[in-house]
Amino acid sequence: MAQDVADEPGEDIVARAKKDRAAKRNPFSRIALFLRQVMGELKKVVTPTRKELINYVLVVLAFVTIMLLIVSAMDAVFGWTVIAVFGDLGATTPAG
């Protein structure tokens, strides 16, 4: 027959939970925890190599150029459509 094991938390877990609960109440300890976590995440950041950086820059420039062409084409098409539907509104300015 299997032995019944009590599901009681260990002393270290209880102590850590009490410490965490106390830390949640203190705003300064929460700020300190946040800053420690930020520093921990910043240590994981990897600087790209020169080749990777050049590749990333070229990809971004290509994407921006393509988007520029798409938006410019749409602007021209919409402009021509407005002129075709409403006529050239700039030519009918009132005489001053």
PDB file of N, CA and C in Angstrom:
ATOM      1  N   MET A   1       0.837  -1.158   0.000  1.00  0.00           N
ATOM      2  CA  MET A   1       0.000   0.000   0.000  1.00  0.00           C
ATOM      3  C   MET A   1       0.895   1.238   0.000  1.00  0.00           C
ATOM      4  N   ALA A   2       0.467   2.263  -0.753  1.00  0.00           N
ATOM      5  CA  ALA A   2       1.267   3.479  -0.870  1.00  0.00           C
ATOM      6  C   ALA A   2       1.226   4.260   0.428  1.00  0.00           C
ATOM      7  N   GLN A   3       2.337   4.906   0.693  1.00  0.00           N
ATOM      8  CA  GLN A   3       2.447   5.682   1.914  1.00  0.00           C
ATOM      9  C   GLN A   3       1.808   7.056   1.704  1.00  0.00           C
ATOM     10  N   ASP A   4       0.986   7.502   2.643  1.00  0.00           N
ATOM     11  CA  ASP A   4       0.363   8.818   2.536  1.00  0.00           C
ATOM     12  C   ASP A   4       1.375   9.886   2.946  1.00  0.00           C
ATOM     13  N   VAL A   5       1.545  10.863   2.053  1.00  0.00           N
ATOM     14  CA  VAL A   5       2.468  11.954   2.337  1.00  0.00           C
ATOM     15  C   VAL A   5       1.638  13.202   2.583  1.00  0.00           C
ATOM     16  N   ALA A   6       1.901  13.846   3.668  1.00  0.00           N
ATOM     17  CA  ALA A   6       1.149  15.059   3.995  1.00  0.00           C
ATOM     18  C   ALA A   6       1.575  16.180   3.055  1.00  0.00           C
ATOM     19  N   ASP A   7       0.598  16.921   2.560  1.00  0.00           N
ATOM     20  CA  ASP A   7       0.879  18.039   1.662  1.00  0.00           C
ATOM     21  C   ASP A   7       1.037  19.326   2.468  1.00  0.00           C
ATOM     22  N   GLU A   8       2.045  19.350   3.310  1.00  0.00           N
ATOM     23  CA  GLU A   8       2.297  20.541   4.103  1.00  0.00           C
ATOM     24  C   GLU A   8       3.480  21.281   3.491  1.00  0.00           C
ATOM     25  N   PRO A   9       3.372  22.587   3.365  1.00  0.00           N
ATOM     26  CA  PRO A   9       4.486  23.340   2.798  1.00  0.00           C
ATOM     27  C   PRO A   9       5.689  23.327   3.728  1.00  0.00           C
ATOM     28  N   GLY A  10       6.867  23.330   3.128  1.00  0.00           N
ATOM     29  CA  GLY A  10       8.095  23.348   3.912  1.00  0.00           C
ATOM     30  C   GLY A  10       8.281  24.690   4.591  1.00  0.00           C
ATOM     31  N   GLU A  11       9.177  24.709   5.574  1.00  0.00           N
ATOM     32  CA  GLU A  11       9.407  25.941   6.327  1.00  0.00           C
ATOM     33  C   GLU A  11       9.970  27.046   5.441  1.00  0.00           C
ATOM     34  N   ASP A  12      10.829  26.667   4.484  1.00  0.00           N
ATOM     35  CA  ASP A  12      11.425  27.687   3.624  1.00  0.00           C
ATOM     36  C   ASP A  12      10.377  28.321   2.707  1.00  0.00           C
ATOM     37  N   ILE A  13       9.412  27.530   2.266  1.00  0.00           N
ATOM     38  CA  ILE A  13       8.355  28.063   1.407  1.00  0.00           C
ATOM     39  C   ILE A  13       7.474  29.027   2.193  1.00  0.00           C
ATOM     40  N   VAL A  14       7.157  28.667   3.419  1.00  0.00           N
ATOM     41  CA  VAL A  14       6.329  29.528   4.260  1.00  0.00           C
ATOM     42  C   VAL A  14       7.061  30.830   4.554  1.00  0.00           C
ATOM     43  N   ALA A  15       8.344  30.738   4.863  1.00  0.00           N
ATOM     44  CA  ALA A  15       9.123  31.944   5.163  1.00  0.00           C
ATOM     45  C   ALA A  15       9.216  32.842   3.936  1.00  0.00           C
ATOM     46  N   ARG A  16       9.426  32.236   2.772  1.00  0.00           N
ATOM     47  CA  ARG A  16       9.517  33.020   1.540  1.00  0.00           C
ATOM     48  C   ARG A  16       8.174  33.687   1.230  1.00  0.00           C
ATOM     49  N   ALA A  17       7.073  32.984   1.466  1.00  0.00           N
ATOM     50  CA  ALA A  17       5.749  33.554   1.213  1.00  0.00           C
ATOM     51  C   ALA A  17       5.485  34.739   2.137  1.00  0.00           C
ATOM     52  N   LYS A  18       5.884  34.617   3.406  1.00  0.00           N
ATOM     53  CA  LYS A  18       5.700  35.730   4.337  1.00  0.00           C
ATOM     54  C   LYS A  18       6.549  36.920   3.924  1.00  0.00           C
ATOM     55  N   LYS A  19       7.762  36.646   3.480  1.00  0.00           N
ATOM     56  CA  LYS A  19       8.656  37.721   3.043  1.00  0.00           C
ATOM     57  C   LYS A  19       8.083  38.404   1.796  1.00  0.00           C
ATOM     58  N   ASP A  20       7.570  37.608   0.864  1.00  0.00           N
ATOM     59  CA  ASP A  20       6.978  38.174  -0.352  1.00  0.00           C
ATOM     60  C   ASP A  20       5.746  39.012  -0.017  1.00  0.00           C
ATOM     61  N   ARG A  21       4.937  38.532   0.903  1.00  0.00           N
ATOM     62  CA  ARG A  21       3.744  39.262   1.298  1.00  0.00           C
ATOM     63  C   ARG A  21       4.120  40.593   1.944  1.00  0.00           C
ATOM     64  N   ALA A  22       5.151  40.579   2.773  1.00  0.00           N
ATOM     65  CA  ALA A  22       5.600  41.814   3.409  1.00  0.00           C
ATOM     66  C   ALA A  22       6.188  42.765   2.371  1.00  0.00           C
ATOM     67  N   ALA A  23       6.878  42.214   1.389  1.00  0.00           N
ATOM     68  CA  ALA A  23       7.483  43.049   0.351  1.00  0.00           C
ATOM     69  C   ALA A  23       6.414  43.693  -0.520  1.00  0.00           C
ATOM     70  N   LYS A  24       5.293  43.034  -0.708  1.00  0.00           N
ATOM     71  CA  LYS A  24       4.224  43.590  -1.536  1.00  0.00           C
ATOM     72  C   LYS A  24       3.610  44.820  -0.879  1.00  0.00           C
ATOM     73  N   ARG A  25       3.676  44.896   0.420  1.00  0.00           N
ATOM     74  CA  ARG A  25       3.084  46.025   1.126  1.00  0.00           C
ATOM     75  C   ARG A  25       3.967  47.268   1.050  1.00  0.00           C
ATOM     76  N   ASN A  26       5.273  47.086   0.964  1.00  0.00           N
ATOM     77  CA  ASN A  26       6.203  48.203   0.987  1.00  0.00           C
ATOM     78  C   ASN A  26       6.484  48.674  -0.438  1.00  0.00           C
ATOM     79  N   PRO A  27       6.104  49.898  -0.803  1.00  0.00           N
ATOM     80  CA  PRO A  27       6.322  50.352  -2.184  1.00  0.00           C
ATOM     81  C   PRO A  27       7.797  50.479  -2.543  1.00  0.00           C
ATOM     82  N   PHE A  28       8.645  50.814  -1.570  1.00  0.00           N
ATOM     83  CA  PHE A  28      10.067  50.953  -1.870  1.00  0.00           C
ATOM     84  C   PHE A  28      10.710  49.609  -2.194  1.00  0.00           C
ATOM     85  N   SER A  29      10.274  48.555  -1.508  1.00  0.00           N
ATOM     86  CA  SER A  29      10.819  47.234  -1.817  1.00  0.00           C
ATOM     87  C   SER A  29      10.312  46.751  -3.170  1.00  0.00           C
ATOM     88  N   ARG A  30       9.101  47.165  -3.550  1.00  0.00           N
ATOM     89  CA  ARG A  30       8.590  46.801  -4.876  1.00  0.00           C
ATOM     90  C   ARG A  30       9.395  47.498  -5.964  1.00  0.00           C
ATOM     91  N   ILE A  31       9.761  48.755  -5.727  1.00  0.00           N
ATOM     92  CA  ILE A  31      10.591  49.480  -6.688  1.00  0.00           C
ATOM     93  C   ILE A  31      11.963  48.825  -6.788  1.00  0.00           C
ATOM     94  N   ALA A  32      12.530  48.454  -5.644  1.00  0.00           N
ATOM     95  CA  ALA A  32      13.839  47.801  -5.650  1.00  0.00           C
ATOM     96  C   ALA A  32      13.773  46.465  -6.385  1.00  0.00           C
ATOM     97  N   LEU A  33      12.701  45.713  -6.175  1.00  0.00           N
ATOM     98  CA  LEU A  33      12.534  44.445  -6.882  1.00  0.00           C
ATOM     99  C   LEU A  33      12.444  44.681  -8.381  1.00  0.00           C
ATOM    100  N   PHE A  34      11.684  45.699  -8.779  1.00  0.00           N
ATOM    101  CA  PHE A  34      11.562  46.026 -10.198  1.00  0.00           C
ATOM    102  C   PHE A  34      12.929  46.355 -10.791  1.00  0.00           C
ATOM    103  N   LEU A  35      13.705  47.172 -10.104  1.00  0.00           N
ATOM    104  CA  LEU A  35      15.029  47.553 -10.616  1.00  0.00           C
ATOM    105  C   LEU A  35      15.962  46.346 -10.696  1.00  0.00           C
ATOM    106  N   ARG A  36      15.887  45.446  -9.713  1.00  0.00           N
ATOM    107  CA  ARG A  36      16.706  44.222  -9.776  1.00  0.00           C
ATOM    108  C   ARG A  36      16.314  43.373 -10.978  1.00  0.00           C
ATOM    109  N   GLN A  37      15.014  43.281 -11.252  1.00  0.00           N
ATOM    110  CA  GLN A  37      14.560  42.501 -12.398  1.00  0.00           C
ATOM    111  C   GLN A  37      14.978  43.153 -13.704  1.00  0.00           C
ATOM    112  N   VAL A  38      14.948  44.484 -13.762  1.00  0.00           N
ATOM    113  CA  VAL A  38      15.388  45.191 -14.968  1.00  0.00           C
ATOM    114  C   VAL A  38      16.863  44.916 -15.215  1.00  0.00           C
ATOM    115  N   MET A  39      17.675  45.002 -14.174  1.00  0.00           N
ATOM    116  CA  MET A  39      19.113  44.744 -14.335  1.00  0.00           C
ATOM    117  C   MET A  39      19.355  43.296 -14.770  1.00  0.00           C
ATOM    118  N   GLY A  40      18.576  42.373 -14.235  1.00  0.00           N
ATOM    119  CA  GLY A  40      18.706  40.974 -14.639  1.00  0.00           C
ATOM    120  C   GLY A  40      18.371  40.769 -16.106  1.00  0.00           C
ATOM    121  N   GLU A  41      17.334  41.464 -16.576  1.00  0.00           N
ATOM    122  CA  GLU A  41      16.970  41.352 -17.990  1.00  0.00           C
ATOM    123  C   GLU A  41      18.007  42.017 -18.883  1.00  0.00           C
ATOM    124  N   LEU A  42      18.565  43.136 -18.435  1.00  0.00           N
ATOM    125  CA  LEU A  42      19.574  43.823 -19.242  1.00  0.00           C
ATOM    126  C   LEU A  42      20.848  42.992 -19.388  1.00  0.00           C
ATOM    127  N   LYS A  43      21.123  42.131 -18.420  1.00  0.00           N
ATOM    128  CA  LYS A  43      22.296  41.256 -18.527  1.00  0.00           C
ATOM    129  C   LYS A  43      22.107  40.207 -19.615  1.00  0.00           C
ATOM    130  N   LYS A  44      20.857  39.930 -19.984  1.00  0.00           N
ATOM    131  CA  LYS A  44      20.574  38.934 -21.020  1.00  0.00           C
ATOM    132  C   LYS A  44      20.678  39.504 -22.430  1.00  0.00           C
ATOM    133  N   VAL A  45      20.755  40.831 -22.546  1.00  0.00           N
ATOM    134  CA  VAL A  45      20.788  41.476 -23.860  1.00  0.00           C
ATOM    135  C   VAL A  45      22.097  41.150 -24.559  1.00  0.00           C
ATOM    136  N   VAL A  46      21.992  40.778 -25.834  1.00  0.00           N
ATOM    137  CA  VAL A  46      23.167  40.430 -26.625  1.00  0.00           C
ATOM    138  C   VAL A  46      23.322  41.470 -27.725  1.00  0.00           C
ATOM    139  N   THR A  47      24.516  42.041 -27.841  1.00  0.00           N
ATOM    140  CA  THR A  47      24.788  43.019 -28.889  1.00  0.00           C
ATOM    141  C   THR A  47      25.016  42.279 -30.197  1.00  0.00           C
ATOM    142  N   PRO A  48      24.351  42.703 -31.282  1.00  0.00           N
ATOM    143  CA  PRO A  48      24.544  42.008 -32.561  1.00  0.00           C
ATOM    144  C   PRO A  48      25.940  42.272 -33.125  1.00  0.00           C
ATOM    145  N   THR A  49      26.401  41.327 -33.931  1.00  0.00           N
ATOM    146  CA  THR A  49      27.689  41.509 -34.594  1.00  0.00           C
ATOM    147  C   THR A  49      27.538  42.565 -35.684  1.00  0.00           C
ATOM    148  N   ARG A  50      28.661  43.003 -36.240  1.00  0.00           N
ATOM    149  CA  ARG A  50      28.618  44.027 -37.287  1.00  0.00           C
ATOM    150  C   ARG A  50      27.832  43.528 -38.492  1.00  0.00           C
ATOM    151  N   LYS A  51      28.038  42.264 -38.863  1.00  0.00           N
ATOM    152  CA  LYS A  51      27.341  41.693 -40.017  1.00  0.00           C
ATOM    153  C   LYS A  51      25.830  41.654 -39.763  1.00  0.00           C
ATOM    154  N   GLU A  52      25.430  41.225 -38.565  1.00  0.00           N
ATOM    155  CA  GLU A  52      24.008  41.179 -38.224  1.00  0.00           C
ATOM    156  C   GLU A  52      23.405  42.581 -38.212  1.00  0.00           C
ATOM    157  N   LEU A  53      24.143  43.542 -37.666  1.00  0.00           N
ATOM    158  CA  LEU A  53      23.646  44.910 -37.595  1.00  0.00           C
ATOM    159  C   LEU A  53      23.428  45.492 -38.986  1.00  0.00           C
ATOM    160  N   ILE A  54      24.375  45.257 -39.889  1.00  0.00           N
ATOM    161  CA  ILE A  54      24.227  45.735 -41.268  1.00  0.00           C
ATOM    162  C   ILE A  54      23.019  45.072 -41.920  1.00  0.00           C
ATOM    163  N   ASN A  55      22.854  43.774 -41.686  1.00  0.00           N
ATOM    164  CA  ASN A  55      21.710  43.052 -42.244  1.00  0.00           C
ATOM    165  C   ASN A  55      20.395  43.633 -41.718  1.00  0.00           C
ATOM    166  N   TYR A  56      20.317  43.886 -40.415  1.00  0.00           N
ATOM    167  CA  TYR A  56      19.103  44.448 -39.821  1.00  0.00           C
ATOM    168  C   TYR A  56      18.803  45.826 -40.403  1.00  0.00           C
ATOM    169  N   VAL A  57      19.838  46.657 -40.562  1.00  0.00           N
ATOM    170  CA  VAL A  57      19.642  48.001 -41.106  1.00  0.00           C
ATOM    171  C   VAL A  57      19.122  47.920 -42.532  1.00  0.00           C
ATOM    172  N   LEU A  58      19.688  47.021 -43.334  1.00  0.00           N
ATOM    173  CA  LEU A  58      19.244  46.886 -44.722  1.00  0.00           C
ATOM    174  C   LEU A  58      17.801  46.399 -44.799  1.00  0.00           C
ATOM    175  N   VAL A  59      17.435  45.477 -43.943  1.00  0.00           N
ATOM    176  CA  VAL A  59      16.054  44.981 -43.928  1.00  0.00           C
ATOM    177  C   VAL A  59      15.090  46.108 -43.555  1.00  0.00           C
ATOM    178  N   VAL A  60      15.443  46.896 -42.558  1.00  0.00           N
ATOM    179  CA  VAL A  60      14.574  48.006 -42.140  1.00  0.00           C
ATOM    180  C   VAL A  60      14.463  49.039 -43.254  1.00  0.00           C
ATOM    181  N   LEU A  61      15.578  49.393 -43.884  1.00  0.00           N
ATOM    182  CA  LEU A  61      15.542  50.370 -44.975  1.00  0.00           C
ATOM    183  C   LEU A  61      14.707  49.864 -46.150  1.00  0.00           C
ATOM    184  N   ALA A  62      14.829  48.580 -46.474  1.00  0.00           N
ATOM    185  CA  ALA A  62      14.032  48.009 -47.563  1.00  0.00           C
ATOM    186  C   ALA A  62      12.545  48.058 -47.213  1.00  0.00           C
ATOM    187  N   PHE A  63      12.204  47.694 -45.993  1.00  0.00           N
ATOM    188  CA  PHE A  63      10.803  47.718 -45.573  1.00  0.00           C
ATOM    189  C   PHE A  63      10.242  49.138 -45.613  1.00  0.00           C
ATOM    190  N   VAL A  64      11.003  50.098 -45.103  1.00  0.00           N
ATOM    191  CA  VAL A  64      10.537  51.487 -45.091  1.00  0.00           C
ATOM    192  C   VAL A  64      10.365  51.998 -46.515  1.00  0.00           C
ATOM    193  N   THR A  65      11.282  51.646 -47.409  1.00  0.00           N
ATOM    194  CA  THR A  65      11.173  52.073 -48.807  1.00  0.00           C
ATOM    195  C   THR A  65       9.930  51.484 -49.461  1.00  0.00           C
ATOM    196  N   ILE A  66       9.676  50.206 -49.232  1.00  0.00           N
ATOM    197  CA  ILE A  66       8.489  49.563 -49.803  1.00  0.00           C
ATOM    198  C   ILE A  66       7.219  50.222 -49.267  1.00  0.00           C
ATOM    199  N   MET A  67       7.173  50.479 -47.964  1.00  0.00           N
ATOM    200  CA  MET A  67       5.994  51.124 -47.388  1.00  0.00           C
ATOM    201  C   MET A  67       5.831  52.542 -47.928  1.00  0.00           C
ATOM    202  N   LEU A  68       6.937  53.259 -48.139  1.00  0.00           N
ATOM    203  CA  LEU A  68       6.882  54.601 -48.709  1.00  0.00           C
ATOM    204  C   LEU A  68       6.281  54.564 -50.103  1.00  0.00           C
ATOM    205  N   LEU A  69       6.685  53.591 -50.900  1.00  0.00           N
ATOM    206  CA  LEU A  69       6.151  53.468 -52.255  1.00  0.00           C
ATOM    207  C   LEU A  69       4.661  53.125 -52.237  1.00  0.00           C
ATOM    208  N   ILE A  70       4.263  52.237 -51.348  1.00  0.00           N
ATOM    209  CA  ILE A  70       2.851  51.853 -51.260  1.00  0.00           C
ATOM    210  C   ILE A  70       1.991  53.045 -50.841  1.00  0.00           C
ATOM    211  N   VAL A  71       2.422  53.766 -49.808  1.00  0.00           N
ATOM    212  CA  VAL A  71       1.640  54.911 -49.324  1.00  0.00           C
ATOM    213  C   VAL A  71       1.609  56.016 -50.373  1.00  0.00           C
ATOM    214  N   SER A  72       2.726  56.258 -51.056  1.00  0.00           N
ATOM    215  CA  SER A  72       2.755  57.286 -52.105  1.00  0.00           C
ATOM    216  C   SER A  72       1.818  56.918 -53.250  1.00  0.00           C
ATOM    217  N   ALA A  73       1.809  55.648 -53.647  1.00  0.00           N
ATOM    218  CA  ALA A  73       0.919  55.205 -54.721  1.00  0.00           C
ATOM    219  C   ALA A  73      -0.543  55.357 -54.304  1.00  0.00           C
ATOM    220  N   MET A  74      -0.863  54.979 -53.075  1.00  0.00           N
ATOM    221  CA  MET A  74      -2.241  55.125 -52.605  1.00  0.00           C
ATOM    222  C   MET A  74      -2.641  56.597 -52.550  1.00  0.00           C
ATOM    223  N   ASP A  75      -1.733  57.465 -52.121  1.00  0.00           N
ATOM    224  CA  ASP A  75      -2.019  58.898 -52.073  1.00  0.00           C
ATOM    225  C   ASP A  75      -2.296  59.438 -53.470  1.00  0.00           C
ATOM    226  N   ALA A  76      -1.497  59.023 -54.441  1.00  0.00           N
ATOM    227  CA  ALA A  76      -1.700  59.486 -55.818  1.00  0.00           C
ATOM    228  C   ALA A  76      -3.037  58.993 -56.366  1.00  0.00           C
ATOM    229  N   VAL A  77      -3.353  57.718 -56.132  1.00  0.00           N
ATOM    230  CA  VAL A  77      -4.616  57.157 -56.628  1.00  0.00           C
ATOM    231  C   VAL A  77      -5.801  57.866 -55.983  1.00  0.00           C
ATOM    232  N   PHE A  78      -5.758  58.076 -54.677  1.00  0.00           N
ATOM    233  CA  PHE A  78      -6.861  58.766 -54.009  1.00  0.00           C
ATOM    234  C   PHE A  78      -6.962  60.217 -54.481  1.00  0.00           C
ATOM    235  N   GLY A  79      -5.825  60.854 -54.705  1.00  0.00           N
ATOM    236  CA  GLY A  79      -5.846  62.228 -55.211  1.00  0.00           C
ATOM    237  C   GLY A  79      -6.482  62.310 -56.579  1.00  0.00           C
ATOM    238  N   TRP A  80      -6.101  61.407 -57.473  1.00  0.00           N
ATOM    239  CA  TRP A  80      -6.692  61.383 -58.814  1.00  0.00           C
ATOM    240  C   TRP A  80      -8.190  61.080 -58.744  1.00  0.00           C
ATOM    241  N   THR A  81      -8.570  60.198 -57.830  1.00  0.00           N
ATOM    242  CA  THR A  81      -9.983  59.856 -57.674  1.00  0.00           C
ATOM    243  C   THR A  81     -10.787  61.072 -57.207  1.00  0.00           C
ATOM    244  N   VAL A  82     -10.261  61.808 -56.258  1.00  0.00           N
ATOM    245  CA  VAL A  82     -10.959  63.000 -55.764  1.00  0.00           C
ATOM    246  C   VAL A  82     -11.094  64.025 -56.880  1.00  0.00           C
ATOM    247  N   ILE A  83     -10.035  64.214 -57.664  1.00  0.00           N
ATOM    248  CA  ILE A  83     -10.097  65.171 -58.775  1.00  0.00           C
ATOM    249  C   ILE A  83     -11.107  64.699 -59.818  1.00  0.00           C
ATOM    250  N   ALA A  84     -11.149  63.394 -60.091  1.00  0.00           N
ATOM    251  CA  ALA A  84     -12.091  62.870 -61.081  1.00  0.00           C
ATOM    252  C   ALA A  84     -13.533  63.019 -60.608  1.00  0.00           C
ATOM    253  N   VAL A  85     -13.778  62.825 -59.328  1.00  0.00           N
ATOM    254  CA  VAL A  85     -15.143  62.887 -58.809  1.00  0.00           C
ATOM    255  C   VAL A  85     -15.598  64.333 -58.601  1.00  0.00           C
ATOM    256  N   PHE A  86     -14.778  65.147 -57.972  1.00  0.00           N
ATOM    257  CA  PHE A  86     -15.188  66.498 -57.599  1.00  0.00           C
ATOM    258  C   PHE A  86     -14.646  67.579 -58.527  1.00  0.00           C
ATOM    259  N   GLY A  87     -13.763  67.245 -59.411  1.00  0.00           N
ATOM    260  CA  GLY A  87     -13.157  68.241 -60.290  1.00  0.00           C
ATOM    261  C   GLY A  87     -11.997  68.929 -59.596  1.00  0.00           C
ATOM    262  N   ASP A  88     -11.354  69.823 -60.296  1.00  0.00           N
ATOM    263  CA  ASP A  88     -10.206  70.538 -59.742  1.00  0.00           C
ATOM    264  C   ASP A  88     -10.725  71.686 -58.886  1.00  0.00           C
ATOM    265  N   LEU A  89     -10.763  71.494 -57.583  1.00  0.00           N
ATOM    266  CA  LEU A  89     -11.331  72.487 -56.675  1.00  0.00           C
ATOM    267  C   LEU A  89     -10.462  73.727 -56.560  1.00  0.00           C
ATOM    268  N   GLY A  90      -9.194  73.616 -56.839  1.00  0.00           N
ATOM    269  CA  GLY A  90      -8.300  74.760 -56.729  1.00  0.00           C
ATOM    270  C   GLY A  90      -8.506  75.770 -57.837  1.00  0.00           C
ATOM    271  N   ALA A  91      -9.094  75.391 -58.967  1.00  0.00           N
ATOM    272  CA  ALA A  91      -9.274  76.296 -60.104  1.00  0.00           C
ATOM    273  C   ALA A  91     -10.458  77.228 -59.912  1.00  0.00           C
ATOM    274  N   THR A  92     -11.336  76.948 -58.967  1.00  0.00           N
ATOM    275  CA  THR A  92     -12.553  77.757 -58.803  1.00  0.00           C
ATOM    276  C   THR A  92     -12.460  78.641 -57.570  1.00  0.00           C
ATOM    277  N   THR A  93     -11.337  79.321 -57.383  1.00  0.00           N
ATOM    278  CA  THR A  93     -11.220  80.208 -56.231  1.00  0.00           C
ATOM    279  C   THR A  93     -11.967  81.503 -56.520  1.00  0.00           C
ATOM    280  N   PRO A  94     -12.651  82.038 -55.532  1.00  0.00           N
ATOM    281  CA  PRO A  94     -13.415  83.275 -55.753  1.00  0.00           C
ATOM    282  C   PRO A  94     -12.480  84.468 -55.961  1.00  0.00           C
ATOM    283  N   ALA A  95     -12.896  85.374 -56.786  1.00  0.00           N
ATOM    284  CA  ALA A  95     -12.086  86.566 -57.061  1.00  0.00           C
ATOM    285  C   ALA A  95     -12.164  87.502 -55.869  1.00  0.00           C
ATOM    286  N   GLY A  96     -11.025  88.019 -55.467  1.00  0.00           N
ATOM    287  CA  GLY A  96     -10.981  88.811 -54.261  1.00  0.00           C
ATOM    288  C   GLY A  96     -11.093  90.208 -54.492  1.00  0.00           C
TER     289      GLY A  96
END
